[in-house]
Protein backbone atom coordinates (compact mmCIF):
# COMPACT_ATOMS: atom_id res chain seq x y z
CA MET A 1 -184.51 54.22 -132.10
CA HIS A 2 -182.53 54.75 -135.29
CA GLU A 3 -182.00 50.98 -135.65
CA ALA A 4 -185.73 50.28 -135.29
CA CYS A 5 -186.53 52.77 -138.04
CA THR A 6 -183.96 51.18 -140.33
CA VAL A 7 -185.35 47.69 -139.72
CA ASN A 8 -188.93 48.83 -140.29
CA PHE A 9 -187.96 50.64 -143.49
CA ARG A 10 -186.04 47.58 -144.67
CA ASN A 11 -189.07 45.36 -144.03
CA TYR A 12 -191.30 47.84 -145.86
CA ALA A 13 -188.90 48.00 -148.81
CA GLU A 14 -188.73 44.19 -149.04
CA THR A 15 -192.52 43.93 -148.87
CA LEU A 16 -192.90 46.59 -151.55
CA GLU A 17 -190.35 44.82 -153.75
CA ASP A 18 -192.20 41.52 -153.27
CA LEU A 19 -195.48 43.16 -154.30
CA MET A 20 -193.99 44.82 -157.36
CA ILE A 21 -191.91 41.87 -158.51
CA GLY A 22 -194.48 39.30 -157.46
CA SER A 23 -196.88 40.40 -160.12
CA MET A 24 -194.28 40.48 -162.89
CA PHE A 25 -192.19 37.42 -162.01
CA LEU A 26 -193.00 34.00 -160.59
CA SER A 27 -192.33 33.54 -156.88
CA ALA A 28 -190.03 30.81 -155.56
CA ASP A 29 -193.09 28.72 -154.61
CA GLU A 30 -194.59 29.17 -158.07
CA LEU A 31 -191.32 28.02 -159.65
CA ILE A 32 -191.42 24.88 -157.52
CA GLU A 33 -195.04 24.27 -158.52
CA LEU A 34 -194.31 24.88 -162.21
CA THR A 35 -191.17 22.74 -162.43
CA GLY A 36 -191.85 20.16 -159.76
CA ARG A 37 -188.27 20.74 -158.58
CA ARG A 38 -186.74 22.50 -155.56
CA GLN A 39 -183.09 22.81 -156.59
CA ARG A 40 -182.14 25.65 -158.92
CA ALA A 41 -180.22 23.48 -161.40
CA SER A 42 -183.14 21.07 -161.67
CA GLN A 43 -185.56 23.97 -162.08
CA GLU A 44 -183.41 25.36 -164.91
CA SER A 45 -183.43 22.01 -166.68
CA ALA A 46 -187.20 21.73 -166.35
CA LEU A 47 -187.72 25.28 -167.63
CA ARG A 48 -185.48 24.60 -170.65
CA ALA A 49 -187.39 21.39 -171.40
CA MET A 50 -190.66 23.36 -171.33
CA GLY A 51 -189.25 26.09 -173.58
CA ILE A 52 -189.60 28.73 -170.86
CA GLU A 53 -187.02 31.50 -170.94
CA HIS A 54 -185.45 32.53 -167.65
CA LYS A 55 -182.60 34.56 -166.22
CA VAL A 56 -180.33 34.03 -163.22
CA ARG A 57 -180.05 36.95 -160.81
CA ALA A 58 -176.77 37.98 -159.21
CA ASP A 59 -177.84 36.18 -156.02
CA GLY A 60 -178.41 32.94 -157.97
CA ARG A 61 -182.22 33.00 -157.91
CA LEU A 62 -184.11 32.29 -161.11
CA VAL A 63 -186.26 35.00 -162.65
CA VAL A 64 -189.15 33.90 -164.83
CA SER A 65 -191.63 36.26 -166.44
CA ARG A 66 -195.21 35.47 -165.46
CA ARG A 67 -196.47 36.72 -168.84
CA HIS A 68 -194.01 34.50 -170.75
CA VAL A 69 -195.12 31.41 -168.81
CA GLU A 70 -198.77 32.21 -169.45
CA GLN A 71 -198.06 32.65 -173.16
CA GLN A 72 -196.01 29.45 -173.39
CA LEU A 73 -198.63 27.40 -171.58
CA GLY A 74 -201.53 28.94 -173.48
CA ALA A 75 -203.12 30.54 -170.43
CA ALA A 76 -202.87 34.12 -171.67
CA SER A 77 -205.15 35.25 -174.42
CA ASP A 78 -204.71 38.47 -176.31
CA SER A 79 -208.03 40.17 -175.70
CA SER A 80 -207.21 42.92 -178.20
CA THR A 81 -207.43 40.48 -181.12
CA GLN A 82 -210.46 38.67 -179.73
CA ASN A 83 -212.48 41.86 -179.31
CA GLU A 84 -211.27 43.56 -182.47
CA ILE A 85 -214.11 44.82 -184.61
CA MET A 86 -213.80 43.75 -188.22
CA PRO A 87 -215.50 45.59 -191.06
CA ASP A 88 -218.36 43.89 -192.91
CA TRP A 89 -216.89 43.95 -196.41
CA SER A 90 -219.96 42.30 -197.90
CA ALA A 91 -221.92 45.49 -197.23
CA ALA A 92 -219.62 47.52 -199.48
């Protein structure tokens, strides 16, 4: 019974990590879609060519910030500057 609890907890922890990291970093499938490459070295080359910063984890996997990719590709817009209320100086 102890083994089953450990396995279930491990699966839960991995799922939780995937949910937490998935929103902040690109998944392996998203990296393939973004770069058009499956091998890590080729993905790194493609990311460098696109000007996208990335890190290599201890296990060799690439880590790419979702927000950075959105900013580099122009998909993210800063809503705080778009909705900022400016004073009407002509009324002064």
